[in-house]
Structures are given as C-alpha cells and as structure tokens.
C-alpha cells in the first residue's frame, strides 16, 4: 500500500522503494554499468588529449553546501588578519589563491538534480534516494564520489580549507589524491563474510600480505580529495556503497554494529570508510594477483596518499566550525535515533529463522523461530545456554524488529 506523509498525501518515492522489496537488487545494475564505465587504466582519458592539460586531474573544484543562498565562510574570500585588534595584512581566500580553477558550489537541490539526470534508473540513484533525507551528509557522501567519477577535479567540504595553491598540490602522474586520518586502520566495519573485511582479504591474498603496512595503516578521510574522471577507486567504492545500502535495506547488514556502538558508525562504514578498504584491496590485487612492482602500481593507479590531515598542504578540516548545530548528522543519527534509510524492506522471517536479533541500542535480544515470531530471552544465562555469544547477534533496524510478531518468551534455562 501507499505510505502517506503528515498531510495525507502519498509519497511516490516511498511507493517506488516499497515495490523494490520483492527484488534481489544486484551489486550493480546493468543500467548503472552503462552509466559508470570502468576507467581504462592503460590509456589516458579523453581529457588528456588536449595538449594544454598537464595533469590527469582537471582544474575544477566541487564543494557541497546545504543551500546556495547561504553566505560562504570567511576563508573562501580575501580577509584582513588581525592581532590584538589591529589589522596585520590581507589574507588571500581560497578562491583568490586558486583563481585558475573553476569552483562549483553545489547545494542539496543541485546534488539531487545531478544524481537524477546523470544516473537515471540505476542502482546508484536508488541507493542515493533511499537514504534518509534528514541525514543530509549521507547523500553528500555518495554525491562527492559520483561527481568526481563523472567530471574529476577536487572535492572539499564547505567548512574545510587548504592553504596551499591547488596547482602545487597536484603533480604530474597524480590520478587520485587522498589524505590520511590520524587514527589507525582497523577492522571495525565489515563482517568477516563481506569482501572488504580483513578476514575476506586475508583469505583471498594470503595471510602474509603485509596489509598493515599499507598507507601507514591509516584510514583515509573524504572531506577533501582529488581525482581524474573515471578512476577505478571511485568506481569500486560506489559499487560497494550500493551493495552495503542494499544489504541494510534488506535487513541483512554487512556492518558490525554492537549495542554500544555510536549509530554514526553505520553511515561511516557504509559510505565513508569503503574508500580506504577499496584502495587496500586494489593494491593487494595489483601486487599479489598481477605481480606489479611499486613503480608500475604508481603508474597505473596514480595513487598519491598525502600526509595526516593534509598537513603538508596547510589543510584545516574545520576552518569554519559548525559542530554546535543541532542538525549535525552525528547528533541527528545518534541522539534522535533517526533511521539511516527512509524505508526498509519488510523482513523475511525465513531468512532470520534461528537467528538471535537485536535492534541497535536496545538491550533486549530475541530469537526468531520457525513460527516467524520473535521470542525474547528471559535473561542472559538463558541466552548463553543456547550456545550463543554476542558475536552471533544480528543487529536489525527498529522497523524490522517491530514488523516481526511477538511470540511467547523462551523458557528460562538456569545454571
């Protein structure tokens, strides 16, 4: 049936998504594969045919803003520096420093229009649309990769800044530039069965793959990055993001979520961190499956991994601090328990049969039995006496848990 909004009107997008619940959505639909052509890494792209171009990365910047009518932060414009209340000098803003780069400020309407017109009838547009619009950055996480894949250039958050001239950042041979977080890479995100997990990669490439040495064992950030059009890191990241969102939609999440985890972890693992794991996967494939040398790997992927937080470029992740705002996605997602997706597929009891399940940040654990109902464990001792551990518990959405009929509590098993 139709889902109505508060005004009693039906939401055609929600109806469309509910119709998809019967489909086993593929990793990447044929339509999307037609829209996203894998880059031919052995040849320069069409962009390079112009002799004026000295770089794989075009001189254009994409900056996400919420509303194009809002005033830009000060660091984009020339401004006076002051000390003890006295003017010291004029500081050139980001726009003046990079006047030979075409800077595009894209608000939510522009981002939505780009995705709808560039990827119509694709699984990528479906994944973008199914995200909860209340979590604005969720869509922006996909858009930034998609716009770089299509057009290339640089992406930067509107509250970030890079003091260096962009012409000094991008070097000949660079095809993809990204920086490292300060904290170490770990296997926090993906269940062992998922292709990007450390367990899956160890099985594929062998345990002695020296994976810990890759990129100084750091996560990548995504608040600023550079890419040529069509880079394979972006393509594969978009593929995995679609797959991860599909699994969330179907109630079969590939993301490890413990009851104590911050709910922001779901968004980070579904759309922020895949780019790190994809880059690691590609390097291991090139080295262990294709026997590439480091120099050949550099030439093919053109991967330039910068320092921690792009310190060498004078970067500032919070040149404009907006963390105090109550609409920040971290607060919305965790404190107000806003669901990650706008709609979820109805649960299939058969797929949950015999599984212990739990809604995120709820203490109560249920066992789904063959009657299709959820049955509560009366205490933790009974849970353990079913030969279960907390690692066996499947975290499901609140909508999935609520849709399952409640059965009688399980019989108590005492010591």
Foldseek 3Di string as FASTA:
>chain_A
DFDADPVRDGDVLVVVVQVCLVPPDDLWDPLVCVLQPADPLVDQDPVVVPVVDQALFAQEEEEEDADPPDDADPQQAWDFDDDPRHTDDIQHHLCVLAVVGHYDYAHPVRLLVCCCVRRPPILLNVLLQQFDVLQVVLNVLLSVLVCCQAAFHKYAYSQKDFRARVVVVGDHLAAKEWEFAPDFADQQWFDLPDCLGPNNLCVVQNVPLVLCPPPVRTFTFRNMMGHRHNANLSVVLSSQLSVQSSCQQQFNHRTDADLPDQQVSSSCNSRTRSSRSSVSSVVSCCCRVVVDDPVVVCNRRSYHYAYHQNVVRVMDNRNPDDPVDCSNSSNCCGVVVDDRTPHHNAHDLVVQAQAWEDEHNDPWIWHRHPVQATATAPDVVQVVVVVDDSVRYRHHHPVNNVNGHHDYHDDHDDD
